[in-house]
Structures are given as structure tokens and as C-alpha cells.
């Protein structure tokens, strides 16, 4: 059974950093495009960053460029989102997704709260 499990969320002060992990199982992770999304209360779920199957190309929403990094380790079937210089506006539930053609999987999300 295909599964994505996010971890690494928590409470951090403004300016701090967190590293989220997305561990995959039950499918051929190395062939899937990975995306991180986030959703704040009362707002739509938005794409934050994406990385191609081989990890050679990445994309970021403008609001996180220069602060967030997305990476993956296909040998470990795990993707990462390194978040630096965090702001209160980054507070959200963060989800990872895996997509290959019409097939997609979602994780359950991990809460990130940026507050002093």
C-alpha cells in the first residue's frame, strides 16, 4: 500500500529553521515528482516547492525563494524541505505529494508553527 509520511514539524521562533521529511513506501519513489504544499487555517492549499524525479530541477513559490530548499534521496525514498529564516506567515500544515502521470499520493501533513 502506497504511503507518504511527513515529519519534522513543530514550533519555531521567527528566523528559525526546520527540516521536514517525507518518507515514502509502497511505490517506486524514484519515478515520482515530489511537491510540498501547505495550508493555513481558512486558506486554500498552495504549492510551496517541487522537485523532479531525479532531483535535477526544483521550483519554488516566490514567497519562499531563497529561504526554502527542496531535496530528495531516492535511495532512502525520502524527500526533504529545508526551511530557513522562517516567518509567522509560514505557519501552516505542510503536506508532501508524489505524482506520476495520473497517479498521485498525499501524506497526512505536519504542522509548522512560527511564533515567538
Protein backbone atom coordinates (compact mmCIF):
# COMPACT_ATOMS: atom_id res chain seq x y z
CA UNK A 1 0.00 0.00 0.00
CA UNK A 2 1.38 3.36 -1.05
CA UNK A 3 2.10 5.75 1.78
CA UNK A 4 3.74 9.12 2.44
CA UNK A 5 4.58 10.13 5.98
CA UNK A 6 5.71 13.65 6.82
CA UNK A 7 7.70 14.52 9.93
CA UNK A 8 9.84 17.31 11.34
CA UNK A 9 7.21 19.93 12.00
CA UNK A 10 6.94 21.85 15.25
CA UNK A 11 7.06 25.22 16.94
CA UNK A 12 9.90 27.55 15.99
CA UNK A 13 10.64 31.21 16.59
CA UNK A 14 10.72 33.70 13.73
CA UNK A 15 14.07 33.49 11.98
CA UNK A 16 14.48 29.86 12.94
CA UNK A 17 14.75 26.76 10.78
CA UNK A 18 13.08 23.38 10.39
CA UNK A 19 13.70 20.41 8.15
CA UNK A 20 10.67 18.44 7.05
CA UNK A 21 10.95 14.87 5.83
CA UNK A 22 8.59 12.89 3.62
CA UNK A 23 9.15 9.14 3.78
CA UNK A 24 7.59 7.06 1.02
CA UNK A 25 6.73 3.40 0.82
CA UNK A 26 4.70 1.07 -1.35
CA UNK A 27 5.55 2.62 -4.72
CA UNK A 28 8.57 3.38 -6.91
CA UNK A 29 9.52 6.67 -5.31
CA UNK A 30 12.36 7.49 -7.70
CA UNK A 31 9.96 7.86 -10.64
CA UNK A 32 7.63 10.34 -8.97
CA UNK A 33 7.63 14.13 -8.97
CA UNK A 34 7.51 15.38 -5.38
CA UNK A 35 5.72 18.52 -4.29
CA UNK A 36 5.39 20.20 -0.92
CA UNK A 37 2.13 22.02 -0.26
CA UNK A 38 0.94 23.99 2.73
CA UNK A 39 -2.41 25.04 4.08
CA UNK A 40 -3.14 27.70 6.67
CA UNK A 41 -6.47 27.92 8.53
CA UNK A 42 -9.14 29.42 6.30
CA UNK A 43 -6.91 29.40 3.24
CA UNK A 44 -6.54 27.15 0.22
CA UNK A 45 -3.80 24.57 -0.04
CA UNK A 46 -0.92 26.06 -2.03
CA UNK A 47 2.15 24.62 -3.66
CA UNK A 48 5.40 25.58 -1.94
CA UNK A 49 8.08 23.67 -3.84
CA UNK A 50 8.59 20.81 -6.26
CA UNK A 51 11.41 18.55 -7.40
CA UNK A 52 11.73 16.29 -10.40
CA UNK A 53 12.16 12.54 -10.09
CA UNK A 54 15.93 12.68 -10.50
CA UNK A 55 16.31 15.75 -8.34
CA UNK A 56 17.91 17.85 -11.07
CA UNK A 57 15.23 20.52 -11.24
CA UNK A 58 13.40 22.36 -8.48
CA UNK A 59 10.72 25.02 -8.31
CA UNK A 60 9.58 27.32 -5.52
CA UNK A 61 6.76 29.73 -4.91
CA UNK A 62 8.07 33.31 -4.82
CA UNK A 63 7.35 33.76 -1.11
CA UNK A 64 9.87 31.07 -0.10
CA UNK A 65 12.61 31.54 -2.71
CA UNK A 66 16.00 31.97 -1.10
CA UNK A 67 14.71 30.58 2.22
CA UNK A 68 13.49 27.05 1.45
CA UNK A 69 15.33 24.20 -0.23
CA UNK A 70 13.78 21.00 -1.55
CA UNK A 71 15.78 17.82 -2.00
CA UNK A 72 15.35 14.07 -2.21
CA UNK A 73 17.25 10.88 -1.55
CA UNK A 74 15.87 8.25 -3.88
CA UNK A 75 17.94 5.54 -2.21
CA UNK A 76 16.04 6.26 1.02
CA UNK A 77 12.70 7.01 -0.70
CA UNK A 78 12.60 10.28 1.19
CA UNK A 79 12.13 13.91 0.25
CA UNK A 80 13.04 16.92 2.35
CA UNK A 81 12.07 20.55 2.74
CA UNK A 82 14.68 22.67 4.49
CA UNK A 83 13.07 25.85 5.75
CA UNK A 84 15.27 28.71 6.91
CA UNK A 85 14.52 32.26 8.05
CA UNK A 86 11.01 31.21 8.96
CA UNK A 87 8.28 33.82 9.27
CA UNK A 88 4.92 33.75 11.04
CA UNK A 89 3.34 33.71 7.57
CA UNK A 90 4.92 30.28 7.03
CA UNK A 91 2.68 28.81 9.74
CA UNK A 92 0.65 26.02 8.13
CA UNK A 93 0.17 22.31 7.81
CA UNK A 94 2.74 21.06 5.30
CA UNK A 95 1.93 18.14 3.02
CA UNK A 96 4.07 16.22 0.59
CA UNK A 97 2.69 14.69 -2.58
CA UNK A 98 4.06 12.23 -5.10
CA UNK A 99 2.84 12.36 -8.68
CA UNK A 100 3.49 10.22 -11.75
CA UNK A 101 1.13 10.71 -14.66
CA UNK A 102 -2.41 10.42 -13.33
CA UNK A 103 -1.28 8.65 -10.16
CA UNK A 104 -0.78 10.71 -7.04
CA UNK A 105 -0.34 10.14 -3.32
CA UNK A 106 -0.66 12.52 -0.38
CA UNK A 107 0.73 12.47 3.10
CA UNK A 108 -1.24 13.33 6.23
CA UNK A 109 0.64 16.56 6.87
CA UNK A 110 2.84 18.00 9.60
CA UNK A 111 2.14 21.22 11.50
CA UNK A 112 4.64 24.05 11.36
CA UNK A 113 4.07 26.98 13.71
CA UNK A 114 6.28 30.04 13.61
CA UNK A 115 5.72 32.19 16.66
CA UNK A 116 7.59 33.99 19.38
